[in-house]
Amino acid sequence: MRAQVAEVGEAVDHLLAPFRRSSCGVPGRRRYSLVAARAGTSDHHSLYRDCSVQSRSLTWASLADGLLAALNRHAIDGFAEFAVHAGVVAAGDRVLAFPADSGAGKSTMTAACLAAGFDYVSDEALCVEFASSRVLPYPKPVTLSEHSCSLLGIPTPGVHLEGDHPEAGFRPEELGAATTEGDLELCDIVRLVRHDGPSRLRPLPASEAVGMLLRMSFNHYKRPRESFQLVTDLARHSRAWELQYDHPAPAAALLWDRLGAVTPQA
């Protein structure tokens, strides 16, 4: 990634540095560039992928958000295994996932779970190998709205990503958690349900887990037969739950007490 404005490049690098693995080794291959508008004009700043314009904006914050979204799309589109839209945390090698649509609160619940004691796997995707059923970490910056930060008592701004609908990006360690690695096994699948009153966790039948995973999958249509078999196996060897909650912090504490700190009992 290249940026003409140093502080913009430093902000993006701050967010992405913990997740960098290695260089692709080919100059210009999938290179993203943040290009400033010409001085003295009303032109927009631009986000390029190689020589192709991806987006334009008057604000650097929106372009940085567009860059992270483009990287996320590229990673998910190129993933050959099974992927589900979900927040994902871990206690040791045991993984807990809450499949959910965008805007359903999965990133907020992920951040709350990190504060409660879980390790970070992803706030975007549950990624599972077809052959082994092993969970693969997909860490990225945790993106939280100002409202979510206020709910959880997280200092802002972090690194702001989006101008019109302000969000902030956080590295896991800024939320008090480590990014987990190694062999991970999916043990608990949790449906998030907003509910007035105290947090409650109730068991669900395995068939509910199958529905959650398939409905929220990014790519089951690419390998439908294998995806259905994998989801059936995951549901058979995992616990399914419904979490009814009002505030994410006590809900995450309940998850830690029931599913994180000790081997869960249905």
C-alpha atoms as a PDB file:
ATOM      1  CA  MET A   1       0.000   0.000   0.000  1.00  0.00           C
ATOM      2  CA  ARG A   2       1.255   3.489  -0.891  1.00  0.00           C
ATOM      3  CA  ALA A   3      -0.054   6.810   0.397  1.00  0.00           C
ATOM      4  CA  GLN A   4       0.941  10.290  -0.727  1.00  0.00           C
ATOM      5  CA  VAL A   5       0.070  11.757   2.676  1.00  0.00           C
ATOM      6  CA  ALA A   6       2.338  10.369   5.380  1.00  0.00           C
ATOM      7  CA  GLU A   7      -0.097  10.555   8.284  1.00  0.00           C
ATOM      8  CA  VAL A   8      -2.753   8.675   6.301  1.00  0.00           C
ATOM      9  CA  GLY A   9      -0.315   5.893   5.473  1.00  0.00           C
ATOM     10  CA  GLU A  10       0.825   5.747   9.099  1.00  0.00           C
ATOM     11  CA  ALA A  11      -2.765   5.453  10.331  1.00  0.00           C
ATOM     12  CA  VAL A  12      -3.553   2.581   7.955  1.00  0.00           C
ATOM     13  CA  ASP A  13      -0.246   0.875   8.744  1.00  0.00           C
ATOM     14  CA  HIS A  14      -1.011   1.161  12.467  1.00  0.00           C
ATOM     15  CA  LEU A  15      -4.187  -0.838  11.930  1.00  0.00           C
ATOM     16  CA  LEU A  16      -2.839  -3.437   9.517  1.00  0.00           C
ATOM     17  CA  ALA A  17       0.689  -4.046  10.875  1.00  0.00           C
ATOM     18  CA  PRO A  18      -0.309  -6.814  13.342  1.00  0.00           C
ATOM     19  CA  PHE A  19      -2.004  -8.788  10.568  1.00  0.00           C
ATOM     20  CA  ARG A  20       0.762  -8.567   7.953  1.00  0.00           C
ATOM     21  CA  ARG A  21       2.287 -11.939   7.117  1.00  0.00           C
ATOM     22  CA  SER A  22       4.642 -11.454   4.158  1.00  0.00           C
ATOM     23  CA  SER A  23       5.125  -9.553   0.938  1.00  0.00           C
ATOM     24  CA  CYS A  24       3.699 -11.051  -2.245  1.00  0.00           C
ATOM     25  CA  GLY A  25       7.161 -10.514  -3.756  1.00  0.00           C
ATOM     26  CA  VAL A  26       5.899  -9.137  -7.063  1.00  0.00           C
ATOM     27  CA  PRO A  27       6.150  -5.342  -7.464  1.00  0.00           C
ATOM     28  CA  GLY A  28       2.811  -3.773  -8.335  1.00  0.00           C
ATOM     29  CA  ARG A  29       0.792  -6.948  -7.798  1.00  0.00           C
ATOM     30  CA  ARG A  30      -2.491  -5.943  -6.120  1.00  0.00           C
ATOM     31  CA  ARG A  31      -0.946  -2.656  -5.042  1.00  0.00           C
ATOM     32  CA  TYR A  32      -3.301  -0.125  -3.493  1.00  0.00           C
ATOM     33  CA  SER A  33      -2.498   3.568  -3.605  1.00  0.00           C
ATOM     34  CA  LEU A  34      -4.069   6.548  -1.847  1.00  0.00           C
ATOM     35  CA  VAL A  35      -3.563   9.520  -4.173  1.00  0.00           C
ATOM     36  CA  ALA A  36      -4.119  13.115  -3.096  1.00  0.00           C
ATOM     37  CA  ALA A  37      -6.210  15.572  -5.104  1.00  0.00           C
ATOM     38  CA  ARG A  38      -4.238  18.149  -7.055  1.00  0.00           C
ATOM     39  CA  ALA A  39      -3.461  21.216  -4.992  1.00  0.00           C
ATOM     40  CA  GLY A  40      -5.727  24.188  -5.653  1.00  0.00           C
ATOM     41  CA  THR A  41      -8.497  22.121  -7.258  1.00  0.00           C
ATOM     42  CA  SER A  42     -11.805  20.702  -6.045  1.00  0.00           C
ATOM     43  CA  ASP A  43     -10.832  17.188  -7.143  1.00  0.00           C
ATOM     44  CA  HIS A  44     -11.461  14.203  -4.895  1.00  0.00           C
ATOM     45  CA  HIS A  45      -8.744  12.063  -3.335  1.00  0.00           C
ATOM     46  CA  SER A  46      -8.551   8.645  -4.998  1.00  0.00           C
ATOM     47  CA  LEU A  47      -8.063   5.010  -4.047  1.00  0.00           C
ATOM     48  CA  TYR A  48      -6.357   2.980  -6.790  1.00  0.00           C
ATOM     49  CA  ARG A  49      -5.801  -0.742  -7.156  1.00  0.00           C
ATOM     50  CA  ASP A  50      -2.853  -0.921  -9.532  1.00  0.00           C
ATOM     51  CA  CYS A  51      -3.978   1.551 -12.248  1.00  0.00           C
ATOM     52  CA  SER A  52      -7.715   1.225 -11.678  1.00  0.00           C
ATOM     53  CA  VAL A  53      -9.689   3.727  -9.583  1.00  0.00           C
ATOM     54  CA  GLN A  54     -11.625   1.969  -6.826  1.00  0.00           C
ATOM     55  CA  SER A  55     -13.241   4.993  -5.167  1.00  0.00           C
ATOM     56  CA  ARG A  56     -12.987   8.756  -4.775  1.00  0.00           C
ATOM     57  CA  SER A  57     -13.752  10.966  -1.794  1.00  0.00           C
ATOM     58  CA  LEU A  58     -13.191  14.419  -0.382  1.00  0.00           C
ATOM     59  CA  THR A  59     -12.070  12.865   2.917  1.00  0.00           C
ATOM     60  CA  TRP A  60      -9.114  10.608   3.664  1.00  0.00           C
ATOM     61  CA  ALA A  61     -11.160   8.818   6.327  1.00  0.00           C
ATOM     62  CA  SER A  62     -13.643   7.512   3.762  1.00  0.00           C
ATOM     63  CA  LEU A  63     -10.825   6.370   1.476  1.00  0.00           C
ATOM     64  CA  ALA A  64      -9.124   4.511   4.316  1.00  0.00           C
ATOM     65  CA  ASP A  65     -12.433   2.825   5.037  1.00  0.00           C
ATOM     66  CA  GLY A  66     -12.721   1.946   1.341  1.00  0.00           C
ATOM     67  CA  LEU A  67      -9.218   0.468   1.360  1.00  0.00           C
ATOM     68  CA  LEU A  68      -9.969  -1.808   4.309  1.00  0.00           C
ATOM     69  CA  ALA A  69     -13.268  -2.843   2.722  1.00  0.00           C
ATOM     70  CA  ALA A  70     -11.484  -3.651  -0.560  1.00  0.00           C
ATOM     71  CA  LEU A  71      -8.851  -5.739   1.229  1.00  0.00           C
ATOM     72  CA  ASN A  72     -11.582  -7.563   3.118  1.00  0.00           C
ATOM     73  CA  ARG A  73     -13.537  -8.314  -0.086  1.00  0.00           C
ATOM     74  CA  HIS A  74     -10.384  -9.537  -1.805  1.00  0.00           C
ATOM     75  CA  ALA A  75      -9.522 -11.854   1.084  1.00  0.00           C
ATOM     76  CA  ILE A  76     -13.035 -13.315   1.352  1.00  0.00           C
ATOM     77  CA  ASP A  77     -13.484 -13.690  -2.422  1.00  0.00           C
ATOM     78  CA  GLY A  78     -10.172 -15.512  -2.704  1.00  0.00           C
ATOM     79  CA  PHE A  79     -10.802 -17.868   0.216  1.00  0.00           C
ATOM     80  CA  ALA A  80     -11.279 -21.411  -1.072  1.00  0.00           C
ATOM     81  CA  GLU A  81     -12.598 -22.945   2.152  1.00  0.00           C
ATOM     82  CA  PHE A  82     -15.912 -22.365   3.988  1.00  0.00           C
ATOM     83  CA  ALA A  83     -16.641 -18.877   5.358  1.00  0.00           C
ATOM     84  CA  VAL A  84     -19.494 -17.492   7.461  1.00  0.00           C
ATOM     85  CA  HIS A  85     -20.284 -13.853   8.286  1.00  0.00           C
ATOM     86  CA  ALA A  86     -19.684 -13.937  12.041  1.00  0.00           C
ATOM     87  CA  GLY A  87     -17.900 -12.572  15.048  1.00  0.00           C
ATOM     88  CA  VAL A  88     -15.432 -15.155  16.344  1.00  0.00           C
ATOM     89  CA  VAL A  89     -13.548 -15.423  19.643  1.00  0.00           C
ATOM     90  CA  ALA A  90     -11.668 -18.204  21.398  1.00  0.00           C
ATOM     91  CA  ALA A  91     -10.866 -19.566  24.837  1.00  0.00           C
ATOM     92  CA  GLY A  92      -7.707 -21.581  24.368  1.00  0.00           C
ATOM     93  CA  ASP A  93      -8.354 -23.775  21.334  1.00  0.00           C
ATOM     94  CA  ARG A  94     -12.159 -23.624  21.750  1.00  0.00           C
ATOM     95  CA  VAL A  95     -13.929 -21.259  19.358  1.00  0.00           C
ATOM     96  CA  LEU A  96     -17.215 -19.433  19.882  1.00  0.00           C
ATOM     97  CA  ALA A  97     -18.927 -17.861  16.856  1.00  0.00           C
ATOM     98  CA  PHE A  98     -21.981 -15.628  16.539  1.00  0.00           C
ATOM     99  CA  PRO A  99     -23.172 -15.596  12.912  1.00  0.00           C
ATOM    100  CA  ALA A 100     -24.934 -12.327  12.094  1.00  0.00           C
ATOM    101  CA  ASP A 101     -25.650  -9.805   9.368  1.00  0.00           C
ATOM    102  CA  SER A 102     -23.820  -6.492   9.130  1.00  0.00           C
ATOM    103  CA  GLY A 103     -25.231  -4.064  11.676  1.00  0.00           C
ATOM    104  CA  ALA A 104     -26.489  -6.804  14.001  1.00  0.00           C
ATOM    105  CA  GLY A 105     -23.873  -6.041  16.650  1.00  0.00           C
ATOM    106  CA  LYS A 106     -21.320  -8.792  16.039  1.00  0.00           C
ATOM    107  CA  SER A 107     -18.298  -6.437  16.164  1.00  0.00           C
ATOM    108  CA  THR A 108     -19.598  -4.855  19.373  1.00  0.00           C
ATOM    109  CA  MET A 109     -20.135  -8.284  20.906  1.00  0.00           C
ATOM    110  CA  THR A 110     -16.678  -9.362  19.722  1.00  0.00           C
ATOM    111  CA  ALA A 111     -15.096  -6.366  21.474  1.00  0.00           C
ATOM    112  CA  ALA A 112     -17.126  -7.041  24.626  1.00  0.00           C
ATOM    113  CA  CYS A 113     -15.986 -10.680  24.587  1.00  0.00           C
ATOM    114  CA  LEU A 114     -12.347  -9.596  24.291  1.00  0.00           C
ATOM    115  CA  ALA A 115     -12.786  -7.438  27.388  1.00  0.00           C
ATOM    116  CA  ALA A 116     -14.407 -10.393  29.177  1.00  0.00           C
ATOM    117  CA  GLY A 117     -11.399 -12.671  28.632  1.00  0.00           C
ATOM    118  CA  PHE A 118     -11.678 -14.254  25.181  1.00  0.00           C
ATOM    119  CA  ASP A 119      -8.943 -14.103  22.527  1.00  0.00           C
ATOM    120  CA  TYR A 120      -9.543 -12.571  19.110  1.00  0.00           C
ATOM    121  CA  VAL A 121     -10.189 -14.634  15.978  1.00  0.00           C
ATOM    122  CA  SER A 122     -12.245 -12.277  13.758  1.00  0.00           C
ATOM    123  CA  ASP A 123     -15.047  -9.722  13.830  1.00  0.00           C
ATOM    124  CA  GLU A 124     -15.865 -10.526  10.203  1.00  0.00           C
ATOM    125  CA  ALA A 125     -15.718 -14.207   9.289  1.00  0.00           C
ATOM    126  CA  LEU A 126     -15.704 -17.723  10.668  1.00  0.00           C
ATOM    127  CA  CYS A 127     -13.339 -19.555   8.291  1.00  0.00           C
ATOM    128  CA  VAL A 128     -13.260 -23.361   8.349  1.00  0.00           C
ATOM    129  CA  GLU A 129     -11.212 -25.876   6.359  1.00  0.00           C
ATOM    130  CA  PHE A 130     -13.307 -28.441   4.514  1.00  0.00           C
ATOM    131  CA  ALA A 131     -10.920 -31.356   5.011  1.00  0.00           C
ATOM    132  CA  SER A 132     -10.142 -30.937   8.712  1.00  0.00           C
ATOM    133  CA  SER A 133     -13.045 -28.803  10.077  1.00  0.00           C
ATOM    134  CA  ARG A 134     -10.306 -26.676  11.629  1.00  0.00           C
ATOM    135  CA  VAL A 135     -11.075 -22.991  12.248  1.00  0.00           C
ATOM    136  CA  LEU A 136      -8.639 -20.618  10.547  1.00  0.00           C
ATOM    137  CA  PRO A 137      -8.119 -17.210  12.193  1.00  0.00           C
ATOM    138  CA  TYR A 138      -9.186 -14.263  10.063  1.00  0.00           C
ATOM    139  CA  PRO A 139      -8.059 -11.273  12.118  1.00  0.00           C
ATOM    140  CA  LYS A 140      -8.638  -7.724  10.905  1.00  0.00           C
ATOM    141  CA  PRO A 141      -9.005  -4.377  12.676  1.00  0.00           C
ATOM    142  CA  VAL A 142     -12.095  -4.402  14.894  1.00  0.00           C
ATOM    143  CA  THR A 143     -14.376  -1.607  13.668  1.00  0.00           C
ATOM    144  CA  LEU A 144     -16.675   0.006  16.222  1.00  0.00           C
ATOM    145  CA  SER A 145     -19.110   2.871  16.009  1.00  0.00           C
ATOM    146  CA  GLU A 146     -18.926   5.733  18.448  1.00  0.00           C
ATOM    147  CA  HIS A 147     -22.074   4.346  20.093  1.00  0.00           C
ATOM    148  CA  SER A 148     -20.417   0.938  20.557  1.00  0.00           C
ATOM    149  CA  CYS A 149     -17.316   2.545  22.038  1.00  0.00           C
ATOM    150  CA  SER A 150     -19.503   4.498  24.451  1.00  0.00           C
ATOM    151  CA  LEU A 151     -21.430   1.360  25.465  1.00  0.00           C
ATOM    152  CA  LEU A 152     -18.219  -0.534  26.187  1.00  0.00           C
ATOM    153  CA  GLY A 153     -16.291   2.356  27.737  1.00  0.00           C
ATOM    154  CA  ILE A 154     -13.610   2.244  25.037  1.00  0.00           C
ATOM    155  CA  PRO A 155     -11.680   5.491  24.590  1.00  0.00           C
ATOM    156  CA  THR A 156     -11.990   7.041  21.170  1.00  0.00           C
ATOM    157  CA  PRO A 157     -11.020   7.929  18.546  1.00  0.00           C
ATOM    158  CA  GLY A 158      -8.680   5.013  17.857  1.00  0.00           C
ATOM    159  CA  VAL A 159      -8.112   5.342  14.110  1.00  0.00           C
ATOM    160  CA  HIS A 160     -11.179   6.804  12.423  1.00  0.00           C
ATOM    161  CA  LEU A 161     -12.242   5.055   9.249  1.00  0.00           C
ATOM    162  CA  GLU A 162     -15.443   6.593   8.017  1.00  0.00           C
ATOM    163  CA  GLY A 163     -16.447  10.235   7.951  1.00  0.00           C
ATOM    164  CA  ASP A 164     -20.209  10.204   7.360  1.00  0.00           C
ATOM    165  CA  HIS A 165     -20.972   7.417   9.838  1.00  0.00           C
ATOM    166  CA  PRO A 166     -18.040   7.654  12.251  1.00  0.00           C
ATOM    167  CA  GLU A 167     -16.353   4.399  13.117  1.00  0.00           C
ATOM    168  CA  ALA A 168     -12.987   3.675  14.655  1.00  0.00           C
ATOM    169  CA  GLY A 169     -10.583   0.833  13.955  1.00  0.00           C
ATOM    170  CA  PHE A 170      -8.791  -0.966  16.790  1.00  0.00           C
ATOM    171  CA  ARG A 171      -6.037  -3.507  16.953  1.00  0.00           C
ATOM    172  CA  PRO A 172      -6.921  -6.423  19.293  1.00  0.00           C
ATOM    173  CA  GLU A 173      -4.278  -5.425  21.834  1.00  0.00           C
ATOM    174  CA  GLU A 174      -5.892  -2.000  22.086  1.00  0.00           C
ATOM    175  CA  LEU A 175      -8.987  -3.842  23.324  1.00  0.00           C
ATOM    176  CA  GLY A 176      -6.963  -5.859  25.836  1.00  0.00           C
ATOM    177  CA  ALA A 177      -6.787  -9.133  23.904  1.00  0.00           C
ATOM    178  CA  ALA A 178      -4.388 -11.317  21.960  1.00  0.00           C
ATOM    179  CA  THR A 179      -4.922 -12.656  18.440  1.00  0.00           C
ATOM    180  CA  THR A 180      -5.137 -16.416  18.763  1.00  0.00           C
ATOM    181  CA  GLU A 181      -3.283 -18.867  16.544  1.00  0.00           C
ATOM    182  CA  GLY A 182      -2.781 -22.623  16.306  1.00  0.00           C
ATOM    183  CA  ASP A 183      -5.305 -25.450  15.936  1.00  0.00           C
ATOM    184  CA  LEU A 184      -8.788 -24.149  16.698  1.00  0.00           C
ATOM    185  CA  GLU A 185     -12.040 -26.098  17.010  1.00  0.00           C
ATOM    186  CA  LEU A 186     -15.539 -24.649  16.719  1.00  0.00           C
ATOM    187  CA  CYS A 187     -17.343 -25.558  19.951  1.00  0.00           C
ATOM    188  CA  ASP A 188     -20.175 -23.038  20.338  1.00  0.00           C
ATOM    189  CA  ILE A 189     -22.476 -21.274  17.869  1.00  0.00           C
ATOM    190  CA  VAL A 190     -24.498 -18.413  19.356  1.00  0.00           C
ATOM    191  CA  ARG A 191     -27.506 -16.609  17.923  1.00  0.00           C
ATOM    192  CA  LEU A 192     -27.656 -12.978  19.089  1.00  0.00           C
ATOM    193  CA  VAL A 193     -31.121 -11.694  20.028  1.00  0.00           C
ATOM    194  CA  ARG A 194     -31.713  -8.200  21.414  1.00  0.00           C
ATOM    195  CA  HIS A 195     -33.928  -8.383  24.481  1.00  0.00           C
ATOM    196  CA  ASP A 196     -34.886  -6.001  27.273  1.00  0.00           C
ATOM    197  CA  GLY A 197     -33.807  -7.286  30.650  1.00  0.00           C
ATOM    198  CA  PRO A 198     -30.973  -9.438  32.017  1.00  0.00           C
ATOM    199  CA  SER A 199     -28.798 -11.475  29.675  1.00  0.00           C
ATOM    200  CA  ARG A 200     -29.956 -15.051  29.189  1.00  0.00           C
ATOM    201  CA  LEU A 201     -28.309 -17.980  27.434  1.00  0.00           C
ATOM    202  CA  ARG A 202     -30.408 -20.953  26.405  1.00  0.00           C
ATOM    203  CA  PRO A 203     -29.476 -24.079  24.433  1.00  0.00           C
ATOM    204  CA  LEU A 204     -30.818 -24.672  20.936  1.00  0.00           C
ATOM    205  CA  PRO A 205     -31.135 -27.868  18.884  1.00  0.00           C
ATOM    206  CA  ALA A 206     -28.333 -28.655  16.448  1.00  0.00           C
ATOM    207  CA  SER A 207     -30.652 -27.967  13.510  1.00  0.00           C
ATOM    208  CA  GLU A 208     -30.652 -24.280  14.483  1.00  0.00           C
ATOM    209  CA  ALA A 209     -26.859 -24.216  14.135  1.00  0.00           C
ATOM    210  CA  VAL A 210     -27.112 -25.636  10.615  1.00  0.00           C
ATOM    211  CA  GLY A 211     -29.510 -22.866   9.641  1.00  0.00           C
ATOM    212  CA  MET A 212     -27.358 -20.110  11.166  1.00  0.00           C
ATOM    213  CA  LEU A 213     -24.192 -21.240   9.429  1.00  0.00           C
ATOM    214  CA  LEU A 214     -25.753 -21.733   5.991  1.00  0.00           C
ATOM    215  CA  ARG A 215     -27.760 -18.483   6.058  1.00  0.00           C
ATOM    216  CA  MET A 216     -24.729 -16.432   6.978  1.00  0.00           C
ATOM    217  CA  SER A 217     -22.224 -18.195   4.693  1.00  0.00           C
ATOM    218  CA  PHE A 218     -20.338 -16.086   2.138  1.00  0.00           C
ATOM    219  CA  ASN A 219     -19.507 -18.919  -0.237  1.00  0.00           C
ATOM    220  CA  HIS A 220     -21.428 -22.168   0.375  1.00  0.00           C
ATOM    221  CA  TYR A 221     -22.800 -21.921  -3.171  1.00  0.00           C
ATOM    222  CA  LYS A 222     -19.322 -22.556  -4.597  1.00  0.00           C
ATOM    223  CA  ARG A 223     -19.147 -26.049  -3.066  1.00  0.00           C
ATOM    224  CA  PRO A 224     -22.735 -26.765  -1.981  1.00  0.00           C
ATOM    225  CA  ARG A 225     -22.502 -30.496  -1.295  1.00  0.00           C
ATOM    226  CA  GLU A 226     -19.295 -30.187   0.721  1.00  0.00           C
ATOM    227  CA  SER A 227     -20.605 -27.100   2.534  1.00  0.00           C
ATOM    228  CA  PHE A 228     -23.769 -28.865   3.667  1.00  0.00           C
ATOM    229  CA  GLN A 229     -21.775 -31.863   4.873  1.00  0.00           C
ATOM    230  CA  LEU A 230     -19.305 -29.628   6.725  1.00  0.00           C
ATOM    231  CA  VAL A 231     -22.068 -27.585   8.372  1.00  0.00           C
ATOM    232  CA  THR A 232     -23.842 -30.773   9.450  1.00  0.00           C
ATOM    233  CA  ASP A 233     -20.628 -32.075  11.013  1.00  0.00           C
ATOM    234  CA  LEU A 234     -19.920 -28.745  12.718  1.00  0.00           C
ATOM    235  CA  ALA A 235     -23.414 -28.648  14.190  1.00  0.00           C
ATOM    236  CA  ARG A 236     -23.131 -32.238  15.390  1.00  0.00           C
ATOM    237  CA  HIS A 237     -19.915 -31.521  17.275  1.00  0.00           C
ATOM    238  CA  SER A 238     -20.772 -28.039  18.550  1.00  0.00           C
ATOM    239  CA  ARG A 239     -23.277 -26.566  20.969  1.00  0.00           C
ATOM    240  CA  ALA A 240     -25.921 -24.166  19.703  1.00  0.00           C
ATOM    241  CA  TRP A 241     -27.198 -21.330  21.870  1.00  0.00           C
ATOM    242  CA  GLU A 242     -29.421 -18.274  21.836  1.00  0.00           C
ATOM    243  CA  LEU A 243     -28.090 -15.249  23.709  1.00  0.00           C
ATOM    244  CA  GLN A 244     -30.804 -12.784  24.689  1.00  0.00           C
ATOM    245  CA  TYR A 245     -29.254  -9.528  25.828  1.00  0.00           C
ATOM    246  CA  ASP A 246     -29.708  -5.816  26.265  1.00  0.00           C
ATOM    247  CA  HIS A 247     -26.163  -4.590  26.990  1.00  0.00           C
ATOM    248  CA  PRO A 248     -23.139  -6.313  25.365  1.00  0.00           C
ATOM    249  CA  ALA A 249     -20.802  -6.142  28.388  1.00  0.00           C
ATOM    250  CA  PRO A 250     -22.820  -8.295  30.829  1.00  0.00           C
ATOM    251  CA  ALA A 251     -23.791 -10.552  27.930  1.00  0.00           C
ATOM    252  CA  ALA A 252     -20.115 -11.136  27.124  1.00  0.00           C
ATOM    253  CA  ALA A 253     -19.396 -11.783  30.809  1.00  0.00           C
ATOM    254  CA  LEU A 254     -22.142 -14.421  30.780  1.00  0.00           C
ATOM    255  CA  LEU A 255     -20.602 -16.046  27.699  1.00  0.00           C
ATOM    256  CA  TRP A 256     -17.216 -16.129  29.405  1.00  0.00           C
ATOM    257  CA  ASP A 257     -18.647 -17.657  32.596  1.00  0.00           C
ATOM    258  CA  ARG A 258     -20.681 -20.294  30.766  1.00  0.00           C
ATOM    259  CA  LEU A 259     -18.612 -21.035  27.668  1.00  0.00           C
ATOM    260  CA  GLY A 260     -15.165 -19.556  28.095  1.00  0.00           C
ATOM    261  CA  ALA A 261     -13.722 -20.020  31.559  1.00  0.00           C
ATOM    262  CA  VAL A 262     -14.811 -23.646  31.917  1.00  0.00           C
ATOM    263  CA  THR A 263     -15.983 -26.467  29.669  1.00  0.00           C
ATOM    264  CA  PRO A 264     -19.607 -25.508  28.953  1.00  0.00           C
ATOM    265  CA  GLN A 265     -22.500 -27.547  30.192  1.00  0.00           C
ATOM    266  CA  ALA A 266     -25.819 -27.489  28.347  1.00  0.00           C
END
